[in-house]
N, C-alpha and C. Protein backbone atom coordinates (compact mmCIF):
# COMPACT_ATOMS: atom_id res chain seq x y z
N MET A 1 0.84 -1.19 0.00
CA MET A 1 0.00 0.00 0.00
C MET A 1 0.88 1.25 0.00
N SER A 2 0.42 2.31 -0.64
CA SER A 2 1.22 3.52 -0.72
C SER A 2 0.31 4.73 -0.70
N ARG A 3 0.91 5.89 -0.39
CA ARG A 3 0.17 7.13 -0.43
C ARG A 3 1.15 8.27 -0.58
N THR A 4 0.66 9.43 -0.93
CA THR A 4 1.52 10.59 -1.01
C THR A 4 1.80 11.10 0.39
N PRO A 5 2.91 11.85 0.59
CA PRO A 5 3.25 12.31 1.94
C PRO A 5 2.47 13.52 2.39
N TYR A 6 1.47 13.94 1.66
CA TYR A 6 0.70 15.11 2.04
C TYR A 6 -0.77 14.75 2.15
N GLU A 7 -1.42 15.28 3.19
CA GLU A 7 -2.86 15.09 3.37
C GLU A 7 -3.52 16.46 3.24
N THR A 8 -4.45 16.62 2.32
CA THR A 8 -5.04 17.91 2.01
C THR A 8 -6.35 18.11 2.76
N PHE A 9 -6.53 19.32 3.29
CA PHE A 9 -7.73 19.68 4.02
C PHE A 9 -8.33 20.94 3.41
N PRO A 10 -9.64 21.19 3.61
CA PRO A 10 -10.22 22.44 3.15
C PRO A 10 -9.65 23.62 3.90
N GLY A 11 -9.92 24.83 3.39
CA GLY A 11 -9.28 26.02 3.92
C GLY A 11 -9.66 26.42 5.31
N ASP A 12 -10.80 27.05 5.51
CA ASP A 12 -11.15 27.62 6.80
C ASP A 12 -12.21 26.80 7.49
N LEU A 13 -12.29 26.96 8.82
CA LEU A 13 -13.33 26.27 9.57
C LEU A 13 -14.70 26.68 9.11
N ALA A 14 -14.84 27.91 8.62
CA ALA A 14 -16.14 28.38 8.14
C ALA A 14 -16.61 27.58 6.94
N ASP A 15 -15.69 26.91 6.26
CA ASP A 15 -16.05 26.13 5.08
C ASP A 15 -16.61 24.77 5.44
N LEU A 16 -16.54 24.39 6.73
CA LEU A 16 -16.99 23.07 7.12
C LEU A 16 -18.51 22.97 7.01
N GLY A 17 -18.96 21.93 6.36
CA GLY A 17 -20.38 21.65 6.32
C GLY A 17 -20.64 20.46 7.20
N ASP A 18 -20.69 19.25 6.59
CA ASP A 18 -20.82 18.04 7.41
C ASP A 18 -19.45 17.45 7.65
N LEU A 19 -19.41 16.31 8.31
CA LEU A 19 -18.13 15.72 8.65
C LEU A 19 -17.35 15.26 7.44
N GLY A 20 -18.05 15.07 6.33
CA GLY A 20 -17.35 14.66 5.12
C GLY A 20 -16.43 15.71 4.59
N ASP A 21 -16.57 16.97 5.08
CA ASP A 21 -15.72 18.06 4.62
C ASP A 21 -14.41 18.16 5.39
N LEU A 22 -14.21 17.28 6.36
CA LEU A 22 -13.02 17.40 7.20
C LEU A 22 -11.74 17.06 6.46
N GLY A 23 -11.82 16.32 5.37
CA GLY A 23 -10.63 16.02 4.61
C GLY A 23 -10.75 14.72 3.85
N ASP A 24 -9.86 14.54 2.89
CA ASP A 24 -9.85 13.31 2.11
C ASP A 24 -9.28 12.17 2.94
N ALA A 25 -9.75 10.97 2.63
CA ALA A 25 -9.22 9.79 3.31
C ALA A 25 -7.80 9.52 2.85
N ALA A 26 -6.98 9.04 3.78
CA ALA A 26 -5.60 8.68 3.48
C ALA A 26 -5.43 7.18 3.65
N GLU A 27 -4.44 6.65 2.96
CA GLU A 27 -4.20 5.21 3.01
C GLU A 27 -2.98 4.90 3.85
N VAL A 28 -3.11 3.92 4.71
CA VAL A 28 -2.02 3.49 5.58
C VAL A 28 -0.99 2.72 4.76
N THR A 29 0.31 3.01 5.00
CA THR A 29 1.35 2.24 4.33
C THR A 29 1.52 0.89 5.03
N SER A 30 2.28 0.00 4.42
CA SER A 30 2.53 -1.30 5.05
C SER A 30 3.27 -1.14 6.37
N ASP A 31 4.22 -0.18 6.44
CA ASP A 31 4.91 0.08 7.70
C ASP A 31 3.95 0.64 8.74
N GLY A 32 3.05 1.52 8.30
CA GLY A 32 2.06 2.07 9.21
C GLY A 32 1.13 1.00 9.75
N ALA A 33 0.72 0.07 8.89
CA ALA A 33 -0.13 -1.03 9.33
C ALA A 33 0.59 -1.91 10.35
N ALA A 34 1.90 -2.14 10.13
CA ALA A 34 2.68 -2.94 11.08
C ALA A 34 2.75 -2.25 12.44
N TRP A 35 2.90 -0.92 12.42
CA TRP A 35 2.92 -0.18 13.68
C TRP A 35 1.59 -0.32 14.41
N LEU A 36 0.48 -0.12 13.71
CA LEU A 36 -0.83 -0.27 14.33
C LEU A 36 -1.01 -1.67 14.90
N ALA A 37 -0.69 -2.68 14.10
CA ALA A 37 -0.88 -4.06 14.52
C ALA A 37 -0.06 -4.41 15.75
N SER A 38 1.09 -3.74 15.92
CA SER A 38 1.96 -4.04 17.06
C SER A 38 1.31 -3.69 18.40
N ALA A 39 0.23 -2.91 18.36
CA ALA A 39 -0.46 -2.57 19.60
C ALA A 39 -1.28 -3.74 20.14
N GLY A 40 -1.63 -4.69 19.27
CA GLY A 40 -2.46 -5.80 19.66
C GLY A 40 -1.67 -6.98 20.21
N THR A 41 -2.38 -7.94 20.73
CA THR A 41 -1.74 -9.13 21.30
C THR A 41 -1.16 -10.03 20.21
N TYR A 42 -1.82 -10.06 19.05
CA TYR A 42 -1.38 -10.93 17.96
C TYR A 42 -1.21 -10.10 16.68
N PRO A 43 -0.08 -9.39 16.58
CA PRO A 43 0.14 -8.51 15.42
C PRO A 43 0.06 -9.24 14.07
N ARG A 44 0.62 -10.45 14.00
CA ARG A 44 0.61 -11.17 12.72
C ARG A 44 -0.81 -11.52 12.29
N SER A 45 -1.65 -11.84 13.26
CA SER A 45 -3.04 -12.15 12.93
C SER A 45 -3.77 -10.91 12.41
N THR A 46 -3.48 -9.77 13.02
CA THR A 46 -4.09 -8.53 12.56
C THR A 46 -3.66 -8.20 11.15
N LEU A 47 -2.36 -8.35 10.87
CA LEU A 47 -1.86 -8.06 9.53
C LEU A 47 -2.42 -9.05 8.51
N ALA A 48 -2.54 -10.33 8.90
CA ALA A 48 -3.13 -11.32 7.99
C ALA A 48 -4.59 -10.99 7.69
N PHE A 49 -5.31 -10.53 8.72
CA PHE A 49 -6.70 -10.13 8.53
C PHE A 49 -6.79 -8.97 7.55
N TRP A 50 -5.88 -7.98 7.72
CA TRP A 50 -5.90 -6.82 6.82
C TRP A 50 -5.47 -7.19 5.40
N GLU A 51 -4.65 -8.22 5.27
CA GLU A 51 -4.30 -8.67 3.92
C GLU A 51 -5.55 -9.15 3.19
N GLU A 52 -6.43 -9.80 3.92
CA GLU A 52 -7.67 -10.30 3.31
C GLU A 52 -8.76 -9.23 3.26
N ARG A 53 -8.78 -8.37 4.27
CA ARG A 53 -9.83 -7.36 4.37
C ARG A 53 -9.22 -5.98 4.63
N PRO A 54 -8.56 -5.38 3.64
CA PRO A 54 -7.94 -4.08 3.87
C PRO A 54 -8.95 -2.96 4.11
N ASP A 55 -10.23 -3.26 3.90
CA ASP A 55 -11.28 -2.27 4.09
C ASP A 55 -11.95 -2.39 5.45
N ALA A 56 -11.43 -3.24 6.33
CA ALA A 56 -12.11 -3.54 7.60
C ALA A 56 -11.41 -2.86 8.78
N PRO A 57 -12.17 -2.15 9.62
CA PRO A 57 -11.59 -1.61 10.85
C PRO A 57 -11.38 -2.71 11.87
N VAL A 58 -10.51 -2.44 12.85
CA VAL A 58 -10.28 -3.39 13.94
C VAL A 58 -10.25 -2.62 15.26
N VAL A 59 -10.38 -3.35 16.35
CA VAL A 59 -10.28 -2.76 17.69
C VAL A 59 -8.90 -3.09 18.25
N LEU A 60 -8.17 -2.06 18.70
CA LEU A 60 -6.83 -2.24 19.22
C LEU A 60 -6.71 -1.60 20.60
N PRO A 61 -5.90 -2.19 21.48
CA PRO A 61 -5.73 -1.62 22.82
C PRO A 61 -4.82 -0.39 22.81
N CYS A 62 -5.07 0.49 23.75
CA CYS A 62 -4.23 1.68 23.94
C CYS A 62 -3.28 1.44 25.12
N GLY A 63 -2.36 2.37 25.29
CA GLY A 63 -1.53 2.37 26.49
C GLY A 63 -0.11 1.91 26.33
N THR A 64 0.18 1.12 25.29
CA THR A 64 1.54 0.62 25.11
C THR A 64 2.22 1.24 23.89
N VAL A 65 1.57 1.14 22.74
CA VAL A 65 2.11 1.70 21.50
C VAL A 65 1.62 3.13 21.30
N PHE A 66 0.41 3.40 21.71
CA PHE A 66 -0.16 4.74 21.56
C PHE A 66 -1.28 4.93 22.57
N ASP A 67 -1.59 6.18 22.88
CA ASP A 67 -2.83 6.59 23.51
C ASP A 67 -3.63 7.34 22.45
N VAL A 68 -4.89 7.60 22.73
CA VAL A 68 -5.73 8.32 21.80
C VAL A 68 -6.50 9.40 22.54
N VAL A 69 -6.48 10.61 21.99
CA VAL A 69 -7.32 11.70 22.49
C VAL A 69 -8.48 11.85 21.52
N ASN A 70 -9.68 11.70 22.05
CA ASN A 70 -10.90 11.61 21.25
C ASN A 70 -11.68 12.91 21.43
N ALA A 71 -11.76 13.71 20.37
CA ALA A 71 -12.35 15.05 20.44
C ALA A 71 -13.55 15.17 19.51
N PRO A 72 -14.50 16.08 19.81
CA PRO A 72 -15.55 16.39 18.84
C PRO A 72 -14.89 16.81 17.53
N ALA A 73 -15.48 16.44 16.41
CA ALA A 73 -14.82 16.57 15.11
C ALA A 73 -14.36 17.99 14.81
N ILE A 74 -15.22 18.98 15.02
CA ILE A 74 -14.84 20.34 14.64
C ILE A 74 -13.79 20.90 15.59
N PHE A 75 -13.93 20.64 16.89
CA PHE A 75 -12.90 21.10 17.81
C PHE A 75 -11.58 20.37 17.54
N GLY A 76 -11.66 19.09 17.23
CA GLY A 76 -10.45 18.35 16.87
C GLY A 76 -9.79 18.93 15.65
N ARG A 77 -10.59 19.38 14.69
CA ARG A 77 -10.02 20.03 13.50
C ARG A 77 -9.30 21.31 13.88
N ARG A 78 -9.87 22.07 14.84
CA ARG A 78 -9.20 23.29 15.29
C ARG A 78 -7.86 22.95 15.95
N MET A 79 -7.86 21.90 16.76
CA MET A 79 -6.59 21.48 17.37
C MET A 79 -5.58 21.09 16.30
N LEU A 80 -6.05 20.36 15.29
CA LEU A 80 -5.17 19.92 14.22
C LEU A 80 -4.60 21.10 13.45
N ASP A 81 -5.43 22.10 13.20
CA ASP A 81 -4.95 23.30 12.52
C ASP A 81 -3.87 24.00 13.33
N ARG A 82 -4.06 24.08 14.66
CA ARG A 82 -3.05 24.71 15.49
C ARG A 82 -1.75 23.91 15.45
N LEU A 83 -1.86 22.59 15.52
CA LEU A 83 -0.66 21.75 15.52
C LEU A 83 0.15 21.92 14.24
N TRP A 84 -0.54 22.05 13.10
CA TRP A 84 0.16 22.13 11.83
C TRP A 84 0.50 23.56 11.42
N ASP A 85 -0.33 24.54 11.78
CA ASP A 85 -0.06 25.92 11.39
C ASP A 85 0.98 26.58 12.29
N GLU A 86 0.98 26.22 13.58
CA GLU A 86 1.81 26.92 14.55
C GLU A 86 2.70 26.00 15.36
N GLY A 87 2.48 24.70 15.29
CA GLY A 87 3.20 23.75 16.14
C GLY A 87 4.02 22.75 15.38
N PRO A 88 4.30 21.60 16.01
CA PRO A 88 5.22 20.62 15.43
C PRO A 88 4.56 19.60 14.53
N GLY A 89 3.26 19.75 14.23
CA GLY A 89 2.55 18.74 13.46
C GLY A 89 1.84 17.77 14.39
N SER A 90 1.32 16.70 13.82
CA SER A 90 0.57 15.73 14.62
C SER A 90 1.07 14.32 14.33
N GLY A 91 0.59 13.39 15.14
CA GLY A 91 0.75 11.98 14.82
C GLY A 91 -0.39 11.57 13.91
N PRO A 92 -0.63 10.27 13.76
CA PRO A 92 -1.77 9.81 12.97
C PRO A 92 -3.08 10.37 13.54
N VAL A 93 -4.02 10.65 12.63
CA VAL A 93 -5.31 11.21 13.01
C VAL A 93 -6.39 10.52 12.19
N ALA A 94 -7.49 10.16 12.85
CA ALA A 94 -8.60 9.50 12.16
C ALA A 94 -9.92 10.14 12.57
N VAL A 95 -10.94 9.93 11.74
CA VAL A 95 -12.30 10.35 12.06
C VAL A 95 -13.15 9.09 12.16
N LEU A 96 -13.97 9.02 13.22
CA LEU A 96 -14.81 7.86 13.44
C LEU A 96 -16.05 8.28 14.22
N ARG A 97 -17.23 7.99 13.66
CA ARG A 97 -18.51 8.25 14.33
C ARG A 97 -18.62 9.68 14.86
N GLY A 98 -18.28 10.64 14.02
CA GLY A 98 -18.43 12.03 14.41
C GLY A 98 -17.40 12.54 15.39
N ARG A 99 -16.34 11.79 15.63
CA ARG A 99 -15.28 12.19 16.54
C ARG A 99 -13.94 12.16 15.80
N MET A 100 -12.99 12.94 16.30
CA MET A 100 -11.65 12.92 15.75
C MET A 100 -10.72 12.24 16.75
N LEU A 101 -9.96 11.27 16.28
CA LEU A 101 -9.03 10.51 17.11
C LEU A 101 -7.61 10.97 16.83
N LEU A 102 -7.00 11.61 17.81
CA LEU A 102 -5.62 12.07 17.68
C LEU A 102 -4.73 11.09 18.43
N PHE A 103 -3.89 10.38 17.70
CA PHE A 103 -3.01 9.39 18.31
C PHE A 103 -1.86 10.12 19.01
N ALA A 104 -1.60 9.70 20.25
CA ALA A 104 -0.66 10.42 21.11
C ALA A 104 0.31 9.44 21.76
N ALA A 105 1.33 10.00 22.38
CA ALA A 105 2.34 9.18 23.05
C ALA A 105 1.72 8.44 24.23
N PRO A 106 2.15 7.20 24.48
CA PRO A 106 1.66 6.49 25.67
C PRO A 106 1.87 7.32 26.93
N GLY A 107 0.88 7.30 27.80
CA GLY A 107 0.93 8.11 29.01
C GLY A 107 0.15 9.39 28.92
N THR A 108 -0.18 9.82 27.69
CA THR A 108 -0.92 11.07 27.49
C THR A 108 -2.29 11.02 28.15
N ALA A 109 -2.97 9.89 28.04
CA ALA A 109 -4.33 9.78 28.59
C ALA A 109 -4.36 9.98 30.09
N ALA A 110 -3.30 9.57 30.78
CA ALA A 110 -3.25 9.72 32.23
C ALA A 110 -2.91 11.14 32.65
N ARG A 111 -2.17 11.87 31.81
CA ARG A 111 -1.66 13.19 32.19
C ARG A 111 -2.51 14.35 31.67
N LEU A 112 -3.06 14.24 30.48
CA LEU A 112 -3.73 15.37 29.85
C LEU A 112 -4.92 15.90 30.65
N PRO A 113 -5.80 15.05 31.19
CA PRO A 113 -6.96 15.59 31.93
C PRO A 113 -6.55 16.50 33.09
N SER A 114 -5.51 16.14 33.84
CA SER A 114 -5.09 16.98 34.96
C SER A 114 -4.50 18.29 34.47
N LEU A 115 -3.80 18.26 33.33
CA LEU A 115 -3.27 19.50 32.76
C LEU A 115 -4.40 20.42 32.32
N LEU A 116 -5.43 19.85 31.71
CA LEU A 116 -6.59 20.66 31.30
C LEU A 116 -7.31 21.24 32.51
N ASP A 117 -7.45 20.44 33.57
CA ASP A 117 -8.08 20.94 34.79
C ASP A 117 -7.28 22.09 35.37
N TRP A 118 -5.97 21.98 35.36
CA TRP A 118 -5.12 23.05 35.90
C TRP A 118 -5.28 24.33 35.09
N GLU A 119 -5.34 24.22 33.76
CA GLU A 119 -5.53 25.39 32.91
C GLU A 119 -6.84 26.09 33.24
N GLU A 120 -7.91 25.32 33.38
CA GLU A 120 -9.21 25.92 33.65
C GLU A 120 -9.25 26.52 35.06
N TRP A 121 -8.63 25.86 36.03
CA TRP A 121 -8.60 26.38 37.40
C TRP A 121 -7.83 27.68 37.45
N GLY A 122 -6.76 27.77 36.65
CA GLY A 122 -5.95 28.98 36.65
C GLY A 122 -6.55 30.12 35.87
N GLY A 123 -7.70 29.87 35.24
CA GLY A 123 -8.37 30.95 34.52
C GLY A 123 -7.78 31.26 33.17
N ARG A 124 -6.88 30.39 32.70
CA ARG A 124 -6.24 30.66 31.42
C ARG A 124 -6.86 29.87 30.29
N GLY A 125 -7.58 28.84 30.62
CA GLY A 125 -8.18 28.01 29.59
C GLY A 125 -9.50 28.58 29.10
N GLY A 126 -9.88 28.23 27.89
CA GLY A 126 -11.16 28.64 27.37
C GLY A 126 -12.16 27.53 27.54
N ALA A 127 -13.16 27.53 26.70
CA ALA A 127 -14.21 26.52 26.77
C ALA A 127 -13.76 25.27 26.03
N VAL A 128 -12.84 24.53 26.63
CA VAL A 128 -12.39 23.27 26.02
C VAL A 128 -13.48 22.23 26.23
N PRO A 129 -14.03 21.66 25.16
CA PRO A 129 -15.06 20.63 25.34
C PRO A 129 -14.46 19.37 25.96
N PRO A 130 -15.29 18.52 26.53
CA PRO A 130 -14.76 17.28 27.12
C PRO A 130 -13.98 16.47 26.08
N LEU A 131 -12.76 16.13 26.43
CA LEU A 131 -11.93 15.29 25.57
C LEU A 131 -11.84 13.90 26.22
N LEU A 132 -12.14 12.88 25.45
CA LEU A 132 -12.05 11.52 25.94
C LEU A 132 -10.62 11.02 25.74
N CYS A 133 -9.98 10.61 26.81
CA CYS A 133 -8.59 10.17 26.73
C CYS A 133 -8.52 8.67 26.95
N HIS A 134 -8.05 7.95 25.95
CA HIS A 134 -7.99 6.49 25.99
C HIS A 134 -6.55 6.05 26.21
N GLY A 135 -6.32 5.35 27.32
CA GLY A 135 -4.98 4.88 27.63
C GLY A 135 -5.00 3.43 28.08
N THR A 136 -4.14 3.10 29.02
CA THR A 136 -4.02 1.72 29.51
C THR A 136 -5.37 1.20 29.98
N GLY A 137 -5.75 0.03 29.49
CA GLY A 137 -7.03 -0.58 29.84
C GLY A 137 -8.16 -0.24 28.89
N ASP A 138 -7.91 0.69 27.97
CA ASP A 138 -8.92 1.08 26.98
C ASP A 138 -8.57 0.49 25.61
N ALA A 139 -9.55 0.52 24.73
CA ALA A 139 -9.34 0.09 23.34
C ALA A 139 -10.13 1.01 22.43
N VAL A 140 -9.66 1.18 21.21
CA VAL A 140 -10.34 2.04 20.24
C VAL A 140 -10.52 1.28 18.93
N THR A 141 -11.54 1.68 18.19
CA THR A 141 -11.72 1.16 16.83
C THR A 141 -10.82 1.93 15.89
N VAL A 142 -9.98 1.21 15.18
CA VAL A 142 -9.01 1.80 14.26
C VAL A 142 -9.55 1.65 12.84
N PRO A 143 -9.66 2.75 12.07
CA PRO A 143 -10.16 2.63 10.70
C PRO A 143 -9.32 1.68 9.86
N ALA A 144 -9.92 1.21 8.79
CA ALA A 144 -9.24 0.27 7.89
C ALA A 144 -8.02 0.93 7.25
N PRO A 145 -7.03 0.12 6.86
CA PRO A 145 -5.86 0.68 6.18
C PRO A 145 -6.20 1.33 4.84
N ALA A 146 -7.15 0.73 4.11
CA ALA A 146 -7.53 1.28 2.81
C ALA A 146 -8.43 2.49 3.01
N PRO A 147 -8.35 3.49 2.13
CA PRO A 147 -9.20 4.67 2.29
C PRO A 147 -10.66 4.37 2.05
N HIS A 148 -11.51 5.29 2.51
CA HIS A 148 -12.94 5.18 2.26
C HIS A 148 -13.18 5.10 0.76
N GLY A 149 -14.04 4.23 0.35
CA GLY A 149 -14.26 4.02 -1.08
C GLY A 149 -13.76 2.67 -1.53
N ALA A 150 -13.19 1.89 -0.58
CA ALA A 150 -12.79 0.52 -0.87
C ALA A 150 -14.05 -0.30 -1.12
N PRO A 151 -13.94 -1.55 -1.62
CA PRO A 151 -15.11 -2.33 -1.99
C PRO A 151 -16.20 -2.38 -0.93
N SER A 152 -15.83 -2.51 0.38
CA SER A 152 -16.82 -2.46 1.44
C SER A 152 -16.67 -1.15 2.18
N PRO A 153 -17.69 -0.27 2.12
CA PRO A 153 -17.54 1.05 2.71
C PRO A 153 -17.30 0.99 4.22
N ALA A 154 -16.47 1.89 4.71
CA ALA A 154 -16.16 1.94 6.13
C ALA A 154 -17.37 2.44 6.90
N PRO A 155 -17.61 1.91 8.12
CA PRO A 155 -18.78 2.32 8.88
C PRO A 155 -18.65 3.73 9.42
N ALA A 156 -19.78 4.45 9.42
CA ALA A 156 -19.88 5.76 10.06
C ALA A 156 -18.78 6.71 9.62
N GLY A 157 -18.37 6.64 8.34
CA GLY A 157 -17.37 7.56 7.84
C GLY A 157 -15.99 7.36 8.42
N ALA A 158 -15.68 6.18 8.94
CA ALA A 158 -14.36 5.92 9.53
C ALA A 158 -13.28 6.04 8.47
N ARG A 159 -12.30 6.89 8.73
CA ARG A 159 -11.22 7.07 7.75
C ARG A 159 -10.03 7.75 8.41
N TRP A 160 -8.88 7.59 7.78
CA TRP A 160 -7.67 8.26 8.24
C TRP A 160 -7.57 9.63 7.57
N LEU A 161 -7.23 10.64 8.36
CA LEU A 161 -6.92 11.96 7.81
C LEU A 161 -5.42 12.13 7.67
N VAL A 162 -4.68 11.74 8.70
CA VAL A 162 -3.22 11.64 8.64
C VAL A 162 -2.90 10.19 8.96
N ALA A 163 -2.58 9.42 7.95
CA ALA A 163 -2.44 7.97 8.11
C ALA A 163 -1.04 7.59 8.60
N PRO A 164 -0.94 6.53 9.40
CA PRO A 164 0.39 6.03 9.80
C PRO A 164 1.18 5.61 8.56
N ASP A 165 2.44 6.04 8.49
CA ASP A 165 3.24 5.72 7.32
C ASP A 165 4.63 5.20 7.67
N THR A 166 4.86 4.92 8.96
CA THR A 166 6.16 4.44 9.40
C THR A 166 5.98 3.54 10.61
N ARG A 167 6.99 2.70 10.88
CA ARG A 167 6.93 1.82 12.05
C ARG A 167 7.21 2.56 13.35
N HIS A 168 7.68 3.81 13.25
CA HIS A 168 8.00 4.59 14.44
C HIS A 168 7.50 6.03 14.26
N PRO A 169 6.20 6.23 14.19
CA PRO A 169 5.69 7.59 13.97
C PRO A 169 5.92 8.48 15.18
N TRP A 170 6.11 9.76 14.90
CA TRP A 170 6.19 10.73 15.99
C TRP A 170 4.79 10.93 16.56
N LEU A 171 4.70 10.96 17.90
CA LEU A 171 3.42 11.12 18.57
C LEU A 171 3.50 12.28 19.56
N PRO A 172 2.53 13.19 19.54
CA PRO A 172 2.57 14.30 20.50
C PRO A 172 2.29 13.81 21.91
N GLY A 173 2.89 14.49 22.88
CA GLY A 173 2.65 14.18 24.28
C GLY A 173 1.58 15.07 24.88
N PRO A 174 1.31 14.96 26.17
CA PRO A 174 0.23 15.72 26.79
C PRO A 174 0.42 17.22 26.76
N GLU A 175 1.66 17.70 26.91
CA GLU A 175 1.89 19.14 26.91
C GLU A 175 1.58 19.76 25.55
N ILE A 176 1.96 19.06 24.48
CA ILE A 176 1.69 19.58 23.14
C ILE A 176 0.19 19.59 22.86
N LEU A 177 -0.52 18.54 23.26
CA LEU A 177 -1.96 18.50 23.02
C LEU A 177 -2.70 19.49 23.92
N LEU A 178 -2.19 19.74 25.13
CA LEU A 178 -2.74 20.81 25.96
C LEU A 178 -2.61 22.14 25.25
N TRP A 179 -1.42 22.42 24.75
CA TRP A 179 -1.18 23.66 24.00
C TRP A 179 -2.16 23.79 22.84
N ALA A 180 -2.35 22.71 22.08
CA ALA A 180 -3.25 22.76 20.92
C ALA A 180 -4.70 22.99 21.36
N ALA A 181 -5.11 22.35 22.44
CA ALA A 181 -6.49 22.51 22.91
C ALA A 181 -6.74 23.93 23.38
N VAL A 182 -5.80 24.50 24.12
CA VAL A 182 -5.97 25.87 24.61
C VAL A 182 -5.97 26.85 23.44
N ARG A 183 -5.06 26.66 22.50
CA ARG A 183 -5.01 27.56 21.34
C ARG A 183 -6.27 27.42 20.49
N ALA A 184 -6.84 26.22 20.45
CA ALA A 184 -8.05 26.02 19.66
C ALA A 184 -9.23 26.81 20.21
N THR A 185 -9.18 27.16 21.50
CA THR A 185 -10.24 27.96 22.09
C THR A 185 -9.97 29.45 21.94
N ARG A 186 -8.81 29.79 21.46
CA ARG A 186 -8.44 31.21 21.30
C ARG A 186 -8.01 31.44 19.86
N SER A 187 -8.92 31.36 18.95
CA SER A 187 -8.58 31.42 17.53
C SER A 187 -7.96 32.75 17.13
N THR A 188 -8.15 33.78 17.94
CA THR A 188 -7.56 35.07 17.59
C THR A 188 -6.14 35.22 18.12
N VAL A 189 -5.71 34.28 18.98
CA VAL A 189 -4.35 34.33 19.52
C VAL A 189 -3.49 33.35 18.75
N ARG A 190 -2.41 33.82 18.17
CA ARG A 190 -1.55 32.96 17.36
C ARG A 190 -0.12 33.11 17.85
N ILE A 191 0.25 32.28 18.85
CA ILE A 191 1.61 32.28 19.36
C ILE A 191 2.31 31.06 18.80
N SER A 192 3.31 31.25 17.96
CA SER A 192 3.92 30.15 17.23
C SER A 192 5.00 29.46 18.06
N ILE A 193 5.01 28.12 18.02
CA ILE A 193 6.13 27.35 18.57
C ILE A 193 6.86 26.62 17.45
N PHE A 194 6.47 26.95 16.22
CA PHE A 194 7.10 26.33 15.05
C PHE A 194 6.89 27.28 13.88
N PRO A 195 7.86 27.43 12.98
CA PRO A 195 7.66 28.33 11.84
C PRO A 195 6.39 27.99 11.10
N PRO A 196 5.55 28.99 10.77
CA PRO A 196 4.26 28.73 10.12
C PRO A 196 4.42 28.11 8.76
N ALA A 197 3.48 27.24 8.41
CA ALA A 197 3.47 26.64 7.08
C ALA A 197 2.96 27.65 6.07
N ASP A 198 3.12 27.35 4.80
CA ASP A 198 2.58 28.17 3.73
C ASP A 198 1.07 28.20 3.88
N GLN A 199 0.51 29.38 4.20
CA GLN A 199 -0.91 29.46 4.48
C GLN A 199 -1.76 29.23 3.25
N ASP A 200 -1.19 29.40 2.08
CA ASP A 200 -1.96 29.16 0.86
C ASP A 200 -2.08 27.67 0.56
N ALA A 201 -1.16 26.88 1.08
CA ALA A 201 -1.14 25.46 0.72
C ALA A 201 -2.20 24.67 1.48
N LYS A 202 -2.36 24.98 2.79
CA LYS A 202 -3.30 24.25 3.64
C LYS A 202 -3.13 22.75 3.52
N VAL A 203 -1.91 22.29 3.69
CA VAL A 203 -1.65 20.86 3.71
C VAL A 203 -0.94 20.52 5.00
N TYR A 204 -1.04 19.28 5.41
CA TYR A 204 -0.33 18.79 6.57
C TYR A 204 0.83 17.95 6.06
N ASP A 205 2.03 18.53 6.05
CA ASP A 205 3.22 17.91 5.49
C ASP A 205 3.87 17.02 6.56
N VAL A 206 3.62 15.72 6.48
CA VAL A 206 4.10 14.83 7.53
C VAL A 206 5.62 14.74 7.58
N SER A 207 6.33 15.16 6.53
CA SER A 207 7.78 15.10 6.54
C SER A 207 8.38 16.17 7.45
N ARG A 208 7.59 17.20 7.81
CA ARG A 208 8.09 18.27 8.64
C ARG A 208 8.41 17.83 10.05
N ARG A 209 7.70 16.83 10.55
CA ARG A 209 7.82 16.50 11.97
C ARG A 209 8.95 15.54 12.25
N ARG A 210 9.70 15.13 11.21
CA ARG A 210 10.76 14.16 11.45
C ARG A 210 12.12 14.83 11.45
C-alpha cells in the first residue's frame, strides 16, 4: 500500500459543512499497518486479517504503542490546525462516528486531563469541550488501512486523515496537546512554537515533523 506524503484539508473552519468536509481519506502504508498491529496481542493475525480485508476496521488496545485523544470533530479540527499551522505537526489522526481521534504518546491519557483541569482552574483556559482520553485498559476502533471508497464502505465515515506511514511515527505528548487545545479555544491568539506553514497550501506535510 502507498500514499503521497501530504494530506489535504479544506481552507477555513467556516467552510466546514458536514463531517465529510473534514478532509480526504488517506491510506495506511505497510509500515504504518505494522505499527498499528503491534499494539495488539497478535500482530501477525491482525496483519493477515488486513491482507484479506484491507477495508475492515479493527479494535486495538491503547496504552503501550499509543494513547488516543478523542475530540468532537470540529474542535479536533481546530486542534489539528493549530498543531500544523503553529506547532510541530501531529501523529496519525482519524475520524470515526463524528469524533476525531488524535493518536498520542503512551501516558498522554493519564496526564492530559489533569493538565486541562489546571488550565481551567488557573483561569487561562477557554471553553475546552470534554476530551475523551484512551490509555491503559482502553481500546479504540481503528479505521481500515484502505481509504474510504474501498469495496466495502467503512462504517460511520471511519477514515484516516493523517495515516500512519512508518513503524515509528512521531506522537505528540500531553503538553503539546494541551497547548493545541488551549489555542483552539483562542482562535484570535496565534503564538507560534514552530515556523508557520505556507498558508496558501493548507496541507499537513508529515515530513516536517521528522
